[in-house]
Amino acid sequence: MTPNVWIVPVNYNGLDDTRKCLKSLAHLAPAANVVLVDNASEPDPTPALRAEFPSVHVVRNGANLGWSGGNNTGIRYALAHGADYVLLLNNDTTVAPNIVGRLLEAFRAYPSFGVIGPVIRYMDEPEVVMTDGVTFNPPGFPGFFQRKEVPERTVEPPAADGTDIVNGCCMMVRRDVFERVGLIDNHFFLIHEEADFCLRAKEAGFDCGVLAEALVWHKGSTAFKRAGKKWQRYYDTRNLARLIRKHRKLSGRGLLSAYGAYLRYAYHRYCHEREDAQPAAADAVLEGLIDAATRRTGPYREQKRWAVPVLRGVFELGRRLKSV
């Protein structure tokens, strides 16, 4: 029996990218169902998309629910329509026609895997790898997401290497993973939510894997390019603390060591934005730190954060001492 596969792209004011993605999906063999979720784009692209892509199911959210909420709308729709597998796919991608078939073959070859994604390459540099495997929060590593290289090879059955995190740009999830661990955590809204989902799947006993074939080409962060770097820095800083806190048991280092690395990371990001003459993005790092400390979640809320000048003074003092 052929599995029931649903693909979920989410659109937010990115109609040109979305049209390119949907055209790519029209050439899949085997074919799959597609539910396009629009996150309250303006103007509403629903009539145009339905006219151009009549086989695509288009669902529109009443507000921008972020990557997490937009995908959850599509996941619920797919599961309600009997999906055995759900493929979350960024709208600024194109895919190889055989992506669904190869991913399904990988699931058959690796029954312990609940989440699998392919090697992803840059759209403007199609021979260069953008992402493959990731190890989360390893000891001795200055950051939190260490690349775990997946050598590309086309073999039968498909090869897939284990990983801690599958890039949310393209990840296929078995139905029973959602049934056991739930949907994407809406508290994240944007950034690190796919990392959280994969780590939750691992904690529930599923393995995560990267199919050792490049089947996706990703334009990369187009929503942030339109909206500005400020939002990327804010959500990255705020949500990274939540990720560390939720999954400290999976970490290779202790919680105090992880938080020390987190503060160094935030300081580095702040300094980088200041040196790049991006004061709004630098202050967004500080806002992310404050909201992480107060456990604020969901979409960014515009309000006065009185600790920002204090943190800015501390970080600027550090910059001055470093330059002496």
C-alpha atoms as a PDB file:
ATOM      1  CA  MET A   1       0.000   0.000   0.000  1.00  0.00           C
ATOM      2  CA  THR A   2       1.354   3.417  -1.005  1.00  0.00           C
ATOM      3  CA  PRO A   3       1.883   5.712   2.018  1.00  0.00           C
ATOM      4  CA  ASN A   4      -0.202   8.871   2.215  1.00  0.00           C
ATOM      5  CA  VAL A   5       2.344  11.730   2.084  1.00  0.00           C
ATOM      6  CA  TRP A   6       1.519  15.385   2.660  1.00  0.00           C
ATOM      7  CA  ILE A   7       3.901  18.283   2.046  1.00  0.00           C
ATOM      8  CA  VAL A   8       3.514  21.485   4.077  1.00  0.00           C
ATOM      9  CA  PRO A   9       5.075  24.741   2.802  1.00  0.00           C
ATOM     10  CA  VAL A  10       4.295  27.941   4.757  1.00  0.00           C
ATOM     11  CA  ASN A  11       4.051  31.300   3.002  1.00  0.00           C
ATOM     12  CA  TYR A  12       4.428  34.700   4.611  1.00  0.00           C
ATOM     13  CA  ASN A  13       4.698  37.577   2.129  1.00  0.00           C
ATOM     14  CA  GLY A  14       6.887  35.441  -0.121  1.00  0.00           C
ATOM     15  CA  LEU A  15       4.639  34.699  -3.078  1.00  0.00           C
ATOM     16  CA  ASP A  16       7.411  34.558  -5.715  1.00  0.00           C
ATOM     17  CA  ASP A  17       9.390  32.003  -3.712  1.00  0.00           C
ATOM     18  CA  THR A  18       6.242  30.022  -2.947  1.00  0.00           C
ATOM     19  CA  ARG A  19       5.221  29.827  -6.610  1.00  0.00           C
ATOM     20  CA  LYS A  20       8.690  28.545  -7.521  1.00  0.00           C
ATOM     21  CA  CYS A  21       8.480  25.938  -4.756  1.00  0.00           C
ATOM     22  CA  LEU A  22       5.015  24.744  -5.813  1.00  0.00           C
ATOM     23  CA  LYS A  23       6.121  24.468  -9.438  1.00  0.00           C
ATOM     24  CA  SER A  24       8.964  22.260  -8.247  1.00  0.00           C
ATOM     25  CA  LEU A  25       6.530  20.068  -6.300  1.00  0.00           C
ATOM     26  CA  ALA A  26       4.359  19.632  -9.393  1.00  0.00           C
ATOM     27  CA  HIS A  27       7.046  17.378 -10.883  1.00  0.00           C
ATOM     28  CA  LEU A  28       7.308  14.885  -8.018  1.00  0.00           C
ATOM     29  CA  ALA A  29       7.400  11.195  -8.847  1.00  0.00           C
ATOM     30  CA  PRO A  30       5.768   9.683  -6.913  1.00  0.00           C
ATOM     31  CA  ALA A  31       3.380  12.553  -6.361  1.00  0.00           C
ATOM     32  CA  ALA A  32       2.284  13.779  -2.935  1.00  0.00           C
ATOM     33  CA  ASN A  33      -0.492  15.913  -1.517  1.00  0.00           C
ATOM     34  CA  VAL A  34       0.373  19.542  -0.794  1.00  0.00           C
ATOM     35  CA  VAL A  35      -1.244  21.861   1.737  1.00  0.00           C
ATOM     36  CA  LEU A  36       0.053  25.413   1.463  1.00  0.00           C
ATOM     37  CA  VAL A  37      -0.427  27.439   4.650  1.00  0.00           C
ATOM     38  CA  ASP A  38      -0.514  31.210   4.322  1.00  0.00           C
ATOM     39  CA  ASN A  39       0.407  33.116   7.491  1.00  0.00           C
ATOM     40  CA  ALA A  40      -1.846  36.148   6.903  1.00  0.00           C
ATOM     41  CA  SER A  41       0.194  37.604   4.045  1.00  0.00           C
ATOM     42  CA  GLU A  42      -0.852  40.973   2.659  1.00  0.00           C
ATOM     43  CA  PRO A  43      -2.283  41.094   0.102  1.00  0.00           C
ATOM     44  CA  ASP A  44      -4.017  37.740   0.446  1.00  0.00           C
ATOM     45  CA  PRO A  45      -2.445  35.385  -2.155  1.00  0.00           C
ATOM     46  CA  THR A  46      -5.046  32.628  -1.670  1.00  0.00           C
ATOM     47  CA  PRO A  47      -7.184  33.299  -4.804  1.00  0.00           C
ATOM     48  CA  ALA A  48      -4.122  33.529  -7.052  1.00  0.00           C
ATOM     49  CA  LEU A  49      -2.554  30.376  -5.624  1.00  0.00           C
ATOM     50  CA  ARG A  50      -5.761  28.372  -5.913  1.00  0.00           C
ATOM     51  CA  ALA A  51      -6.188  29.493  -9.522  1.00  0.00           C
ATOM     52  CA  GLU A  52      -2.597  28.681 -10.540  1.00  0.00           C
ATOM     53  CA  PHE A  53      -2.248  25.471  -8.485  1.00  0.00           C
ATOM     54  CA  PRO A  54      -5.730  23.865  -8.367  1.00  0.00           C
ATOM     55  CA  SER A  55      -4.423  20.584  -6.924  1.00  0.00           C
ATOM     56  CA  VAL A  56      -2.837  22.353  -3.929  1.00  0.00           C
ATOM     57  CA  HIS A  57      -4.889  22.712  -0.740  1.00  0.00           C
ATOM     58  CA  VAL A  58      -4.538  26.309   0.487  1.00  0.00           C
ATOM     59  CA  VAL A  59      -5.278  27.163   4.116  1.00  0.00           C
ATOM     60  CA  ARG A  60      -4.980  30.720   5.423  1.00  0.00           C
ATOM     61  CA  ASN A  61      -4.262  31.621   9.031  1.00  0.00           C
ATOM     62  CA  GLY A  62      -5.912  34.728  10.454  1.00  0.00           C
ATOM     63  CA  ALA A  63      -2.581  35.987  11.820  1.00  0.00           C
ATOM     64  CA  ASN A  64       1.123  35.401  11.335  1.00  0.00           C
ATOM     65  CA  LEU A  65       1.707  32.364  13.567  1.00  0.00           C
ATOM     66  CA  GLY A  66       5.389  32.022  12.752  1.00  0.00           C
ATOM     67  CA  TRP A  67       7.150  28.907  11.508  1.00  0.00           C
ATOM     68  CA  SER A  68       5.788  26.874  14.396  1.00  0.00           C
ATOM     69  CA  GLY A  69       2.139  27.888  14.150  1.00  0.00           C
ATOM     70  CA  GLY A  70       2.071  27.906  10.372  1.00  0.00           C
ATOM     71  CA  ASN A  71       3.460  24.387  10.179  1.00  0.00           C
ATOM     72  CA  ASN A  72       1.137  23.201  12.940  1.00  0.00           C
ATOM     73  CA  THR A  73      -1.842  24.340  10.875  1.00  0.00           C
ATOM     74  CA  GLY A  74      -0.558  22.274   7.957  1.00  0.00           C
ATOM     75  CA  ILE A  75       0.321  19.269  10.125  1.00  0.00           C
ATOM     76  CA  ARG A  76      -3.164  19.188  11.646  1.00  0.00           C
ATOM     77  CA  TYR A  77      -4.710  19.416   8.180  1.00  0.00           C
ATOM     78  CA  ALA A  78      -2.496  16.613   6.847  1.00  0.00           C
ATOM     79  CA  LEU A  79      -3.124  14.306   9.804  1.00  0.00           C
ATOM     80  CA  ALA A  80      -6.873  14.934   9.560  1.00  0.00           C
ATOM     81  CA  HIS A  81      -6.644  13.801   5.922  1.00  0.00           C
ATOM     82  CA  GLY A  82      -4.947  10.549   6.824  1.00  0.00           C
ATOM     83  CA  ALA A  83      -1.284  11.426   6.366  1.00  0.00           C
ATOM     84  CA  ASP A  84       1.182   8.625   7.113  1.00  0.00           C
ATOM     85  CA  TYR A  85       4.106  11.025   6.626  1.00  0.00           C
ATOM     86  CA  VAL A  86       4.293  14.819   6.721  1.00  0.00           C
ATOM     87  CA  LEU A  87       7.093  16.628   4.907  1.00  0.00           C
ATOM     88  CA  LEU A  88       7.731  20.119   6.297  1.00  0.00           C
ATOM     89  CA  LEU A  89       9.303  22.216   3.558  1.00  0.00           C
ATOM     90  CA  ASN A  90      10.383  25.857   3.510  1.00  0.00           C
ATOM     91  CA  ASN A  91       8.681  27.848   0.796  1.00  0.00           C
ATOM     92  CA  ASP A  92      12.005  29.264  -0.482  1.00  0.00           C
ATOM     93  CA  THR A  93      13.194  25.884  -1.751  1.00  0.00           C
ATOM     94  CA  THR A  94      13.106  23.713  -4.830  1.00  0.00           C
ATOM     95  CA  VAL A  95      13.324  19.937  -4.650  1.00  0.00           C
ATOM     96  CA  ALA A  96      14.462  16.969  -6.729  1.00  0.00           C
ATOM     97  CA  PRO A  97      11.550  15.111  -8.359  1.00  0.00           C
ATOM     98  CA  ASN A  98      12.430  11.878  -6.524  1.00  0.00           C
ATOM     99  CA  ILE A  99      12.620  13.376  -3.014  1.00  0.00           C
ATOM    100  CA  VAL A 100       9.449  11.728  -1.696  1.00  0.00           C
ATOM    101  CA  GLY A 101      10.388   8.312  -3.032  1.00  0.00           C
ATOM    102  CA  ARG A 102      13.928   8.449  -1.662  1.00  0.00           C
ATOM    103  CA  LEU A 103      12.775   9.594   1.774  1.00  0.00           C
ATOM    104  CA  LEU A 104      10.173   6.824   1.945  1.00  0.00           C
ATOM    105  CA  GLU A 105      12.807   4.265   0.941  1.00  0.00           C
ATOM    106  CA  ALA A 106      15.062   5.606   3.696  1.00  0.00           C
ATOM    107  CA  PHE A 107      12.285   5.179   6.260  1.00  0.00           C
ATOM    108  CA  ARG A 108      11.810   1.585   5.133  1.00  0.00           C
ATOM    109  CA  ALA A 109      15.559   0.947   5.381  1.00  0.00           C
ATOM    110  CA  TYR A 110      15.849   2.556   8.846  1.00  0.00           C
ATOM    111  CA  PRO A 111      12.706   1.683  10.825  1.00  0.00           C
ATOM    112  CA  SER A 112      14.021   3.326  14.018  1.00  0.00           C
ATOM    113  CA  PHE A 113      14.068   6.744  12.323  1.00  0.00           C
ATOM    114  CA  GLY A 114      11.029   8.909  13.002  1.00  0.00           C
ATOM    115  CA  VAL A 115      12.405  12.057  11.333  1.00  0.00           C
ATOM    116  CA  ILE A 116      14.537  12.164   8.173  1.00  0.00           C
ATOM    117  CA  GLY A 117      15.686  15.037   5.974  1.00  0.00           C
ATOM    118  CA  PRO A 118      18.069  15.164   2.999  1.00  0.00           C
ATOM    119  CA  VAL A 119      21.334  17.010   2.519  1.00  0.00           C
ATOM    120  CA  ILE A 120      20.452  20.609   1.622  1.00  0.00           C
ATOM    121  CA  ARG A 121      22.406  22.791  -0.793  1.00  0.00           C
ATOM    122  CA  TYR A 122      22.379  26.513  -1.535  1.00  0.00           C
ATOM    123  CA  MET A 123      20.063  27.577  -4.325  1.00  0.00           C
ATOM    124  CA  ASP A 124      22.519  30.149  -5.696  1.00  0.00           C
ATOM    125  CA  GLU A 125      25.473  27.752  -5.269  1.00  0.00           C
ATOM    126  CA  PRO A 126      23.854  24.424  -6.120  1.00  0.00           C
ATOM    127  CA  GLU A 127      27.033  22.387  -5.617  1.00  0.00           C
ATOM    128  CA  VAL A 128      27.688  23.742  -2.091  1.00  0.00           C
ATOM    129  CA  VAL A 129      26.194  22.071   0.978  1.00  0.00           C
ATOM    130  CA  MET A 130      24.170  24.367   3.236  1.00  0.00           C
ATOM    131  CA  THR A 131      23.298  21.833   5.958  1.00  0.00           C
ATOM    132  CA  ASP A 132      23.529  18.131   6.669  1.00  0.00           C
ATOM    133  CA  GLY A 133      23.945  16.622  10.154  1.00  0.00           C
ATOM    134  CA  VAL A 134      24.059  18.408  13.521  1.00  0.00           C
ATOM    135  CA  THR A 135      25.279  17.445  16.989  1.00  0.00           C
ATOM    136  CA  PHE A 136      23.564  19.407  19.750  1.00  0.00           C
ATOM    137  CA  ASN A 137      25.477  21.146  22.541  1.00  0.00           C
ATOM    138  CA  PRO A 138      28.636  18.975  22.551  1.00  0.00           C
ATOM    139  CA  PRO A 139      31.266  19.424  25.287  1.00  0.00           C
ATOM    140  CA  GLY A 140      34.346  21.392  24.266  1.00  0.00           C
ATOM    141  CA  PHE A 141      32.573  23.062  21.337  1.00  0.00           C
ATOM    142  CA  PRO A 142      32.120  26.861  21.610  1.00  0.00           C
ATOM    143  CA  GLY A 143      28.635  26.845  20.092  1.00  0.00           C
ATOM    144  CA  PHE A 144      25.561  24.665  20.318  1.00  0.00           C
ATOM    145  CA  PHE A 145      25.112  23.205  16.840  1.00  0.00           C
ATOM    146  CA  GLN A 146      28.202  21.400  15.596  1.00  0.00           C
ATOM    147  CA  ARG A 147      28.108  20.180  12.041  1.00  0.00           C
ATOM    148  CA  LYS A 148      28.165  16.406  11.628  1.00  0.00           C
ATOM    149  CA  GLU A 149      29.207  15.921   8.040  1.00  0.00           C
ATOM    150  CA  VAL A 150      27.180  13.435   6.027  1.00  0.00           C
ATOM    151  CA  PRO A 151      29.189  12.135   3.041  1.00  0.00           C
ATOM    152  CA  GLU A 152      26.912  12.087   0.032  1.00  0.00           C
ATOM    153  CA  ARG A 153      26.409   8.743  -1.660  1.00  0.00           C
ATOM    154  CA  THR A 154      23.673   7.241  -3.800  1.00  0.00           C
ATOM    155  CA  VAL A 155      23.212   3.589  -2.893  1.00  0.00           C
ATOM    156  CA  GLU A 156      20.412   1.062  -2.608  1.00  0.00           C
ATOM    157  CA  PRO A 157      18.748   1.141  -0.195  1.00  0.00           C
ATOM    158  CA  PRO A 158      19.373   4.828   0.514  1.00  0.00           C
ATOM    159  CA  ALA A 159      22.020   5.653   3.124  1.00  0.00           C
ATOM    160  CA  ALA A 160      21.015   7.779   6.115  1.00  0.00           C
ATOM    161  CA  ASP A 161      23.274   8.875   8.966  1.00  0.00           C
ATOM    162  CA  GLY A 162      22.078   9.539  12.492  1.00  0.00           C
ATOM    163  CA  THR A 163      21.909  13.118  13.713  1.00  0.00           C
ATOM    164  CA  ASP A 164      20.588  15.055  16.693  1.00  0.00           C
ATOM    165  CA  ILE A 165      18.743  17.608  14.573  1.00  0.00           C
ATOM    166  CA  VAL A 166      17.231  17.541  11.090  1.00  0.00           C
ATOM    167  CA  ASN A 167      17.056  20.958   9.457  1.00  0.00           C
ATOM    168  CA  GLY A 168      13.473  22.225   9.479  1.00  0.00           C
ATOM    169  CA  CYS A 169      13.939  23.540   5.958  1.00  0.00           C
ATOM    170  CA  CYS A 170      13.035  20.012   4.856  1.00  0.00           C
ATOM    171  CA  MET A 171      12.163  17.215   7.235  1.00  0.00           C
ATOM    172  CA  MET A 172       9.804  14.285   6.813  1.00  0.00           C
ATOM    173  CA  VAL A 173       8.095  13.020   9.958  1.00  0.00           C
ATOM    174  CA  ARG A 174       6.229   9.777  10.537  1.00  0.00           C
ATOM    175  CA  ARG A 175       2.671  10.125  11.792  1.00  0.00           C
ATOM    176  CA  ASP A 176       3.368   8.218  14.998  1.00  0.00           C
ATOM    177  CA  VAL A 177       6.014  10.775  16.016  1.00  0.00           C
ATOM    178  CA  PHE A 178       3.375  13.515  16.108  1.00  0.00           C
ATOM    179  CA  GLU A 179       1.002  11.185  17.927  1.00  0.00           C
ATOM    180  CA  ARG A 180       3.581  10.506  20.615  1.00  0.00           C
ATOM    181  CA  VAL A 181       5.384  13.853  21.091  1.00  0.00           C
ATOM    182  CA  GLY A 182       2.830  16.382  19.807  1.00  0.00           C
ATOM    183  CA  LEU A 183       3.247  19.168  17.280  1.00  0.00           C
ATOM    184  CA  ILE A 184       5.805  21.957  16.974  1.00  0.00           C
ATOM    185  CA  ASP A 185       6.205  23.964  20.200  1.00  0.00           C
ATOM    186  CA  ASN A 186       4.431  27.286  19.560  1.00  0.00           C
ATOM    187  CA  HIS A 187       6.415  28.959  22.346  1.00  0.00           C
ATOM    188  CA  PHE A 188       9.367  29.236  19.947  1.00  0.00           C
ATOM    189  CA  PHE A 189       7.409  30.968  17.145  1.00  0.00           C
ATOM    190  CA  LEU A 190      10.557  31.268  14.988  1.00  0.00           C
ATOM    191  CA  ILE A 191      14.037  29.696  15.161  1.00  0.00           C
ATOM    192  CA  HIS A 192      15.175  26.552  16.992  1.00  0.00           C
ATOM    193  CA  GLU A 193      11.704  25.024  16.929  1.00  0.00           C
ATOM    194  CA  GLU A 194      12.767  22.203  14.613  1.00  0.00           C
ATOM    195  CA  ALA A 195      15.734  21.514  16.903  1.00  0.00           C
ATOM    196  CA  ASP A 196      13.335  21.253  19.831  1.00  0.00           C
ATOM    197  CA  PHE A 197      11.036  18.929  17.893  1.00  0.00           C
ATOM    198  CA  CYS A 198      13.857  16.587  16.877  1.00  0.00           C
ATOM    199  CA  LEU A 199      15.246  16.465  20.405  1.00  0.00           C
ATOM    200  CA  ARG A 200      11.771  15.711  21.757  1.00  0.00           C
ATOM    201  CA  ALA A 201      11.482  12.886  19.226  1.00  0.00           C
ATOM    202  CA  LYS A 202      14.829  11.474  20.371  1.00  0.00           C
ATOM    203  CA  GLU A 203      13.777  11.687  24.010  1.00  0.00           C
ATOM    204  CA  ALA A 204      10.650   9.701  23.067  1.00  0.00           C
ATOM    205  CA  GLY A 205      12.763   6.914  21.567  1.00  0.00           C
ATOM    206  CA  PHE A 206      12.826   7.835  17.877  1.00  0.00           C
ATOM    207  CA  ASP A 207      16.039   8.304  15.908  1.00  0.00           C
ATOM    208  CA  CYS A 208      16.636  11.216  13.528  1.00  0.00           C
ATOM    209  CA  GLY A 209      18.576  10.887  10.299  1.00  0.00           C
ATOM    210  CA  VAL A 210      19.977  12.693   7.280  1.00  0.00           C
ATOM    211  CA  LEU A 211      19.500  11.035   3.908  1.00  0.00           C
ATOM    212  CA  ALA A 212      22.947  11.136   2.291  1.00  0.00           C
ATOM    213  CA  GLU A 213      21.703  12.699  -0.941  1.00  0.00           C
ATOM    214  CA  ALA A 214      21.278  16.374  -1.887  1.00  0.00           C
ATOM    215  CA  LEU A 215      17.607  16.683  -2.829  1.00  0.00           C
ATOM    216  CA  VAL A 216      16.770  20.265  -1.786  1.00  0.00           C
ATOM    217  CA  TRP A 217      18.090  23.667  -2.818  1.00  0.00           C
ATOM    218  CA  HIS A 218      17.391  26.437  -0.329  1.00  0.00           C
ATOM    219  CA  LYS A 219      17.400  30.175  -0.927  1.00  0.00           C
ATOM    220  CA  GLY A 220      17.758  30.744   2.807  1.00  0.00           C
ATOM    221  CA  SER A 221      16.291  33.189   5.360  1.00  0.00           C
ATOM    222  CA  THR A 222      14.317  35.224   2.845  1.00  0.00           C
ATOM    223  CA  ALA A 223      11.667  36.120   5.438  1.00  0.00           C
ATOM    224  CA  PHE A 224      14.359  37.608   7.669  1.00  0.00           C
ATOM    225  CA  LYS A 225      15.945  39.441   4.761  1.00  0.00           C
ATOM    226  CA  ARG A 226      12.609  41.117   4.088  1.00  0.00           C
ATOM    227  CA  ALA A 227      11.870  41.872   7.751  1.00  0.00           C
ATOM    228  CA  GLY A 228      15.402  42.744   8.909  1.00  0.00           C
ATOM    229  CA  LYS A 229      18.133  41.070  10.918  1.00  0.00           C
ATOM    230  CA  LYS A 230      16.699  42.362  14.194  1.00  0.00           C
ATOM    231  CA  TRP A 231      14.106  39.588  14.350  1.00  0.00           C
ATOM    232  CA  GLN A 232      16.608  36.860  13.585  1.00  0.00           C
ATOM    233  CA  ARG A 233      18.864  38.008  16.426  1.00  0.00           C
ATOM    234  CA  TYR A 234      15.985  38.367  18.874  1.00  0.00           C
ATOM    235  CA  TYR A 235      14.448  34.933  18.320  1.00  0.00           C
ATOM    236  CA  ASP A 236      17.825  33.205  18.093  1.00  0.00           C
ATOM    237  CA  THR A 237      18.959  34.624  21.442  1.00  0.00           C
ATOM    238  CA  ARG A 238      15.671  34.165  23.260  1.00  0.00           C
ATOM    239  CA  ASN A 239      14.852  30.691  21.986  1.00  0.00           C
ATOM    240  CA  LEU A 240      18.326  29.251  22.390  1.00  0.00           C
ATOM    241  CA  ALA A 241      17.987  29.615  26.166  1.00  0.00           C
ATOM    242  CA  ARG A 242      14.651  27.792  26.054  1.00  0.00           C
ATOM    243  CA  LEU A 243      16.177  25.016  23.959  1.00  0.00           C
ATOM    244  CA  ILE A 244      19.078  24.545  26.377  1.00  0.00           C
ATOM    245  CA  ARG A 245      16.724  24.538  29.356  1.00  0.00           C
ATOM    246  CA  LYS A 246      14.308  22.014  27.815  1.00  0.00           C
ATOM    247  CA  HIS A 247      16.953  19.568  26.638  1.00  0.00           C
ATOM    248  CA  ARG A 248      19.736  19.796  29.175  1.00  0.00           C
ATOM    249  CA  LYS A 249      19.553  16.019  29.708  1.00  0.00           C
ATOM    250  CA  LEU A 250      20.613  15.453  26.092  1.00  0.00           C
ATOM    251  CA  SER A 251      23.495  17.901  26.375  1.00  0.00           C
ATOM    252  CA  GLY A 252      27.059  16.662  26.500  1.00  0.00           C
ATOM    253  CA  ARG A 253      27.924  19.368  29.025  1.00  0.00           C
ATOM    254  CA  GLY A 254      26.454  20.532  32.329  1.00  0.00           C
ATOM    255  CA  LEU A 255      23.786  23.193  32.608  1.00  0.00           C
ATOM    256  CA  LEU A 256      26.115  25.822  34.120  1.00  0.00           C
ATOM    257  CA  SER A 257      28.669  25.218  31.381  1.00  0.00           C
ATOM    258  CA  ALA A 258      25.925  25.461  28.746  1.00  0.00           C
ATOM    259  CA  TYR A 259      24.611  28.753  30.144  1.00  0.00           C
ATOM    260  CA  GLY A 260      28.150  30.138  30.260  1.00  0.00           C
ATOM    261  CA  ALA A 261      28.562  29.265  26.593  1.00  0.00           C
ATOM    262  CA  TYR A 262      25.149  30.819  25.896  1.00  0.00           C
ATOM    263  CA  LEU A 263      26.144  34.157  27.448  1.00  0.00           C
ATOM    264  CA  ARG A 264      29.432  34.167  25.522  1.00  0.00           C
ATOM    265  CA  TYR A 265      27.475  33.445  22.356  1.00  0.00           C
ATOM    266  CA  ALA A 266      25.080  36.336  22.995  1.00  0.00           C
ATOM    267  CA  TYR A 267      27.978  38.690  23.725  1.00  0.00           C
ATOM    268  CA  HIS A 268      29.700  37.636  20.493  1.00  0.00           C
ATOM    269  CA  ARG A 269      26.498  38.254  18.523  1.00  0.00           C
ATOM    270  CA  TYR A 270      26.065  41.679  20.125  1.00  0.00           C
ATOM    271  CA  CYS A 271      29.648  42.691  19.327  1.00  0.00           C
ATOM    272  CA  HIS A 272      29.333  41.460  15.750  1.00  0.00           C
ATOM    273  CA  GLU A 273      26.235  43.575  15.120  1.00  0.00           C
ATOM    274  CA  ARG A 274      27.800  46.662  16.718  1.00  0.00           C
ATOM    275  CA  GLU A 275      30.908  46.278  14.602  1.00  0.00           C
ATOM    276  CA  ASP A 276      28.686  45.804  11.553  1.00  0.00           C
ATOM    277  CA  ALA A 277      26.880  49.111  12.328  1.00  0.00           C
ATOM    278  CA  GLN A 278      23.592  47.323  13.092  1.00  0.00           C
ATOM    279  CA  PRO A 279      22.523  48.845  16.442  1.00  0.00           C
ATOM    280  CA  ALA A 280      18.925  47.594  16.179  1.00  0.00           C
ATOM    281  CA  ALA A 281      20.118  44.011  15.673  1.00  0.00           C
ATOM    282  CA  ALA A 282      22.585  44.409  18.569  1.00  0.00           C
ATOM    283  CA  ASP A 283      19.816  45.633  20.873  1.00  0.00           C
ATOM    284  CA  ALA A 284      17.642  42.728  19.697  1.00  0.00           C
ATOM    285  CA  VAL A 285      20.245  40.381  21.196  1.00  0.00           C
ATOM    286  CA  LEU A 286      19.811  42.199  24.520  1.00  0.00           C
ATOM    287  CA  GLU A 287      16.018  42.030  24.281  1.00  0.00           C
ATOM    288  CA  GLY A 288      16.309  38.308  23.577  1.00  0.00           C
ATOM    289  CA  LEU A 289      18.444  37.847  26.680  1.00  0.00           C
ATOM    290  CA  ILE A 290      15.935  39.722  28.841  1.00  0.00           C
ATOM    291  CA  ASP A 291      12.933  37.815  27.473  1.00  0.00           C
ATOM    292  CA  ALA A 292      14.776  34.526  27.908  1.00  0.00           C
ATOM    293  CA  ALA A 293      15.405  35.384  31.573  1.00  0.00           C
ATOM    294  CA  THR A 294      11.729  36.267  32.125  1.00  0.00           C
ATOM    295  CA  ARG A 295      10.540  33.164  30.183  1.00  0.00           C
ATOM    296  CA  ARG A 296       8.646  35.251  27.626  1.00  0.00           C
ATOM    297  CA  THR A 297       7.623  33.174  24.595  1.00  0.00           C
ATOM    298  CA  GLY A 298       5.633  33.406  21.360  1.00  0.00           C
ATOM    299  CA  PRO A 299       5.780  36.351  18.962  1.00  0.00           C
ATOM    300  CA  TYR A 300       7.857  39.415  19.819  1.00  0.00           C
ATOM    301  CA  ARG A 301       5.994  42.062  21.802  1.00  0.00           C
ATOM    302  CA  GLU A 302       6.907  45.702  21.330  1.00  0.00           C
ATOM    303  CA  GLN A 303       7.403  47.194  24.767  1.00  0.00           C
ATOM    304  CA  LYS A 304       9.974  48.994  26.882  1.00  0.00           C
ATOM    305  CA  ARG A 305      12.553  46.667  28.355  1.00  0.00           C
ATOM    306  CA  TRP A 306      14.226  48.674  31.085  1.00  0.00           C
ATOM    307  CA  ALA A 307      17.197  46.350  31.437  1.00  0.00           C
ATOM    308  CA  VAL A 308      18.380  46.942  27.850  1.00  0.00           C
ATOM    309  CA  PRO A 309      20.467  50.070  28.694  1.00  0.00           C
ATOM    310  CA  VAL A 310      22.035  48.248  31.649  1.00  0.00           C
ATOM    311  CA  LEU A 311      23.001  45.226  29.554  1.00  0.00           C
ATOM    312  CA  ARG A 312      24.210  47.481  26.768  1.00  0.00           C
ATOM    313  CA  GLY A 313      26.472  49.265  29.238  1.00  0.00           C
ATOM    314  CA  VAL A 314      27.909  45.963  30.475  1.00  0.00           C
ATOM    315  CA  PHE A 315      28.541  44.670  26.962  1.00  0.00           C
ATOM    316  CA  GLU A 316      30.045  47.984  25.826  1.00  0.00           C
ATOM    317  CA  LEU A 317      32.364  47.908  28.831  1.00  0.00           C
ATOM    318  CA  GLY A 318      33.443  44.469  27.738  1.00  0.00           C
ATOM    319  CA  ARG A 319      34.111  45.731  24.223  1.00  0.00           C
ATOM    320  CA  ARG A 320      36.228  48.596  25.540  1.00  0.00           C
ATOM    321  CA  LEU A 321      38.246  46.322  27.817  1.00  0.00           C
ATOM    322  CA  LYS A 322      38.777  43.889  24.966  1.00  0.00           C
ATOM    323  CA  SER A 323      40.163  46.650  22.743  1.00  0.00           C
ATOM    324  CA  VAL A 324      42.664  47.872  25.356  1.00  0.00           C
END
